[in-house]
N, C-alpha and C. Protein backbone atom coordinates (compact mmCIF):
# COMPACT_ATOMS: atom_id res chain seq x y z
N MET A 1 -1.78 -168.73 15.96
CA MET A 1 -2.99 -169.75 15.49
C MET A 1 -4.50 -169.11 15.86
N GLY A 2 -5.26 -169.36 14.78
CA GLY A 2 -6.60 -168.40 14.95
C GLY A 2 -7.53 -169.04 16.14
N SER A 3 -8.49 -168.46 16.46
CA SER A 3 -9.45 -169.23 17.54
C SER A 3 -10.32 -170.26 17.07
N THR A 4 -10.77 -170.23 15.51
CA THR A 4 -11.20 -171.31 14.63
C THR A 4 -10.39 -172.58 14.77
N THR A 5 -8.97 -172.62 14.23
CA THR A 5 -8.19 -173.44 14.20
C THR A 5 -8.06 -174.21 15.81
N ASP A 6 -7.81 -173.18 16.69
CA ASP A 6 -7.65 -174.00 18.14
C ASP A 6 -8.74 -174.90 18.43
N LYS A 7 -9.94 -174.43 17.97
CA LYS A 7 -11.19 -175.03 18.40
C LYS A 7 -11.12 -176.44 17.39
N ILE A 8 -11.01 -176.54 16.36
CA ILE A 8 -10.99 -177.49 15.60
C ILE A 8 -9.84 -178.59 15.92
N LYS A 9 -8.73 -177.99 15.90
CA LYS A 9 -7.42 -178.96 16.47
C LYS A 9 -8.12 -179.55 17.93
N GLY A 10 -8.65 -178.86 19.02
CA GLY A 10 -9.22 -179.22 20.20
C GLY A 10 -10.13 -180.25 20.10
N THR A 11 -11.05 -180.11 19.04
CA THR A 11 -12.07 -181.13 18.89
C THR A 11 -11.55 -182.51 18.39
N ALA A 12 -10.47 -182.16 17.53
CA ALA A 12 -9.86 -183.50 16.90
C ALA A 12 -9.13 -183.97 17.99
N ASN A 13 -8.55 -183.59 18.88
CA ASN A 13 -7.58 -183.86 20.19
C ASN A 13 -8.37 -184.73 20.95
N GLU A 14 -9.65 -184.12 21.23
CA GLU A 14 -10.48 -184.81 22.21
C GLU A 14 -11.09 -185.86 21.69
N ALA A 15 -11.34 -185.93 20.57
CA ALA A 15 -11.88 -187.12 19.95
C ALA A 15 -10.99 -188.20 19.91
N ALA A 16 -9.92 -187.79 19.37
CA ALA A 16 -8.58 -188.96 19.13
C ALA A 16 -8.32 -189.50 20.62
N GLY A 17 -8.53 -188.42 21.66
CA GLY A 17 -8.05 -188.94 23.02
C GLY A 17 -9.13 -190.08 23.43
N ASN A 18 -10.50 -189.62 23.06
CA ASN A 18 -11.31 -190.59 23.55
C ASN A 18 -11.26 -192.01 23.06
N VAL A 19 -10.85 -192.08 21.62
CA VAL A 19 -10.72 -193.35 20.71
C VAL A 19 -9.66 -194.02 21.55
N LYS A 20 -8.76 -193.25 21.84
CA LYS A 20 -7.55 -194.14 22.45
C LYS A 20 -7.89 -194.64 23.72
N GLN A 21 -8.61 -194.15 24.38
CA GLN A 21 -9.06 -194.34 25.86
C GLN A 21 -9.75 -195.67 25.50
N GLY A 22 -10.74 -195.55 24.83
CA GLY A 22 -11.60 -196.90 24.51
C GLY A 22 -11.02 -198.09 23.95
N VAL A 23 -9.71 -197.91 22.96
CA VAL A 23 -8.96 -198.70 22.51
C VAL A 23 -8.36 -199.34 23.79
N GLY A 24 -7.67 -198.53 24.62
CA GLY A 24 -6.84 -198.99 25.76
C GLY A 24 -7.47 -199.79 26.60
N LYS A 25 -8.88 -199.46 26.94
CA LYS A 25 -9.75 -200.17 27.73
C LYS A 25 -9.91 -201.44 27.24
N MET A 26 -10.36 -201.61 25.78
CA MET A 26 -10.42 -203.04 25.29
C MET A 26 -9.38 -203.89 25.14
N VAL A 27 -8.07 -203.20 25.09
CA VAL A 27 -6.95 -203.95 25.13
C VAL A 27 -6.14 -204.47 26.22
N GLY A 28 -7.00 -203.50 27.22
CA GLY A 28 -6.37 -203.57 28.87
C GLY A 28 -5.08 -202.89 28.89
N SER A 29 -4.73 -201.96 28.35
CA SER A 29 -3.61 -201.04 28.17
C SER A 29 -3.73 -199.73 29.07
N GLU A 30 -3.38 -199.59 30.35
CA GLU A 30 -3.52 -198.67 30.97
C GLU A 30 -2.92 -197.31 30.81
N LYS A 31 -1.62 -197.74 29.99
CA LYS A 31 -0.57 -196.55 29.65
C LYS A 31 -1.43 -196.06 28.40
N MET A 32 -2.00 -196.78 27.49
CA MET A 32 -2.84 -196.08 26.28
C MET A 32 -3.93 -195.26 26.83
N GLN A 33 -4.85 -195.93 27.89
CA GLN A 33 -5.75 -195.05 28.51
C GLN A 33 -5.45 -193.87 28.84
N ALA A 34 -4.19 -193.56 29.57
CA ALA A 34 -3.68 -192.67 30.11
C ALA A 34 -3.40 -191.34 29.31
N GLU A 35 -2.53 -192.05 28.11
CA GLU A 35 -2.20 -191.04 26.77
C GLU A 35 -3.39 -190.61 26.29
N GLY A 36 -4.60 -191.48 26.24
CA GLY A 36 -5.90 -190.83 25.45
C GLY A 36 -6.47 -189.73 26.49
N LYS A 37 -6.41 -189.86 28.07
CA LYS A 37 -6.85 -189.06 28.77
C LYS A 37 -6.28 -187.61 28.60
N VAL A 38 -4.75 -187.81 28.49
CA VAL A 38 -3.82 -186.65 28.30
C VAL A 38 -4.45 -185.95 27.10
N GLN A 39 -4.52 -186.83 25.74
CA GLN A 39 -4.81 -185.88 24.66
C GLN A 39 -6.21 -185.39 24.74
N GLU A 40 -6.91 -185.98 25.38
CA GLU A 40 -8.25 -185.38 25.62
C GLU A 40 -8.33 -184.10 26.40
N LEU A 41 -7.58 -183.88 27.40
CA LEU A 41 -7.47 -182.84 28.04
C LEU A 41 -6.78 -181.64 27.54
N LYS A 42 -5.90 -181.94 26.40
CA LYS A 42 -5.23 -181.19 25.54
C LYS A 42 -6.25 -180.62 24.60
N GLY A 43 -7.10 -181.41 24.14
CA GLY A 43 -7.89 -180.91 23.23
C GLY A 43 -8.90 -179.81 24.01
N GLU A 44 -9.35 -180.35 25.33
CA GLU A 44 -10.35 -179.32 26.01
C GLU A 44 -9.65 -177.94 26.09
N GLY A 45 -8.29 -178.32 26.64
CA GLY A 45 -7.74 -176.91 26.77
C GLY A 45 -7.47 -176.13 25.47
N GLN A 46 -7.35 -176.75 24.24
CA GLN A 46 -7.12 -175.93 22.89
C GLN A 46 -8.47 -175.16 22.62
N GLN A 47 -9.56 -175.87 22.90
CA GLN A 47 -11.17 -175.47 22.43
C GLN A 47 -11.17 -174.16 23.44
N ALA A 48 -10.86 -174.36 24.84
CA ALA A 48 -10.86 -173.26 25.80
C ALA A 48 -10.19 -172.10 25.25
N LEU A 49 -8.86 -172.07 24.90
CA LEU A 49 -8.05 -171.21 24.23
C LEU A 49 -8.82 -170.32 23.14
N GLY A 50 -9.44 -171.16 22.15
CA GLY A 50 -10.20 -170.79 21.09
C GLY A 50 -11.34 -170.01 21.50
N LYS A 51 -12.00 -170.45 22.54
CA LYS A 51 -13.16 -169.77 22.86
C LYS A 51 -12.77 -168.09 23.50
N ALA A 52 -11.36 -168.43 24.35
CA ALA A 52 -11.02 -167.20 25.09
C ALA A 52 -10.50 -166.25 23.82
N LYS A 53 -10.09 -166.52 22.79
CA LYS A 53 -9.61 -165.62 21.70
C LYS A 53 -10.74 -165.14 21.45
N ASP A 54 -11.82 -165.93 20.90
CA ASP A 54 -13.00 -165.15 20.26
C ASP A 54 -13.62 -163.98 21.29
N ALA A 55 -13.40 -164.27 22.75
CA ALA A 55 -14.13 -163.56 23.72
C ALA A 55 -13.04 -162.13 23.77
N VAL A 56 -11.89 -162.09 23.64
CA VAL A 56 -11.08 -161.06 23.59
C VAL A 56 -11.56 -160.28 22.23
N LYS A 57 -11.42 -161.10 21.00
CA LYS A 57 -11.73 -160.36 19.92
C LYS A 57 -13.11 -159.55 19.90
N ASP A 58 -14.17 -160.39 20.32
CA ASP A 58 -15.60 -159.51 20.41
C ASP A 58 -15.44 -158.60 21.51
N ALA A 59 -14.65 -158.53 22.59
CA ALA A 59 -14.67 -157.50 23.43
C ALA A 59 -13.85 -156.16 22.72
N ALA A 60 -12.70 -156.55 22.32
CA ALA A 60 -12.25 -155.54 21.46
C ALA A 60 -12.95 -155.00 20.46
N ASP A 61 -13.62 -155.67 19.69
CA ASP A 61 -14.52 -155.23 18.47
C ASP A 61 -15.73 -154.28 19.26
N LYS A 62 -16.26 -154.72 20.36
CA LYS A 62 -17.36 -153.77 20.99
C LYS A 62 -16.62 -152.32 21.36
N ALA A 63 -15.34 -152.84 21.89
CA ALA A 63 -14.93 -151.46 22.24
C ALA A 63 -14.43 -150.17 21.12
N ASN A 64 -13.91 -151.03 20.06
CA ASN A 64 -13.63 -150.13 18.78
C ASN A 64 -15.10 -149.55 18.35
N ASP A 65 -16.03 -150.16 18.33
CA ASP A 65 -17.20 -149.87 17.82
C ASP A 65 -17.91 -148.54 19.03
N ALA A 66 -17.72 -148.72 19.89
CA ALA A 66 -18.02 -147.69 20.91
C ALA A 66 -17.25 -146.22 20.88
N VAL A 67 -16.08 -146.69 20.51
CA VAL A 67 -15.00 -145.43 20.12
C VAL A 67 -15.38 -144.59 19.13
N HIS A 68 -15.87 -145.62 18.06
CA HIS A 68 -16.12 -144.83 16.85
C HIS A 68 -17.61 -144.14 16.61
N ARG A 69 -18.60 -144.94 17.58
CA ARG A 69 -19.84 -144.03 17.61
C ARG A 69 -19.67 -142.66 18.44
N LYS A 70 -18.47 -142.46 19.15
CA LYS A 70 -18.37 -141.30 20.17
C LYS A 70 -17.68 -140.24 19.17
N ILE A 71 -17.09 -140.68 17.96
CA ILE A 71 -16.02 -139.59 17.27
C ILE A 71 -17.12 -138.90 16.45
């Protein structure tokens, strides 16, 4: 999966998790609140993975550019 896809899916999971938590609070379901929190955390992890992939790609691109400038 690409970094952009990870970040998009992460944002969607985080938003859905927040909604699920809110609904769980409204209906008094601790189980739904917990599921929402898990989904939110999953989304945060997906976003972090996407950002890490971007950072690795940026570092590789900079290293590649430096090598080509010295040739």
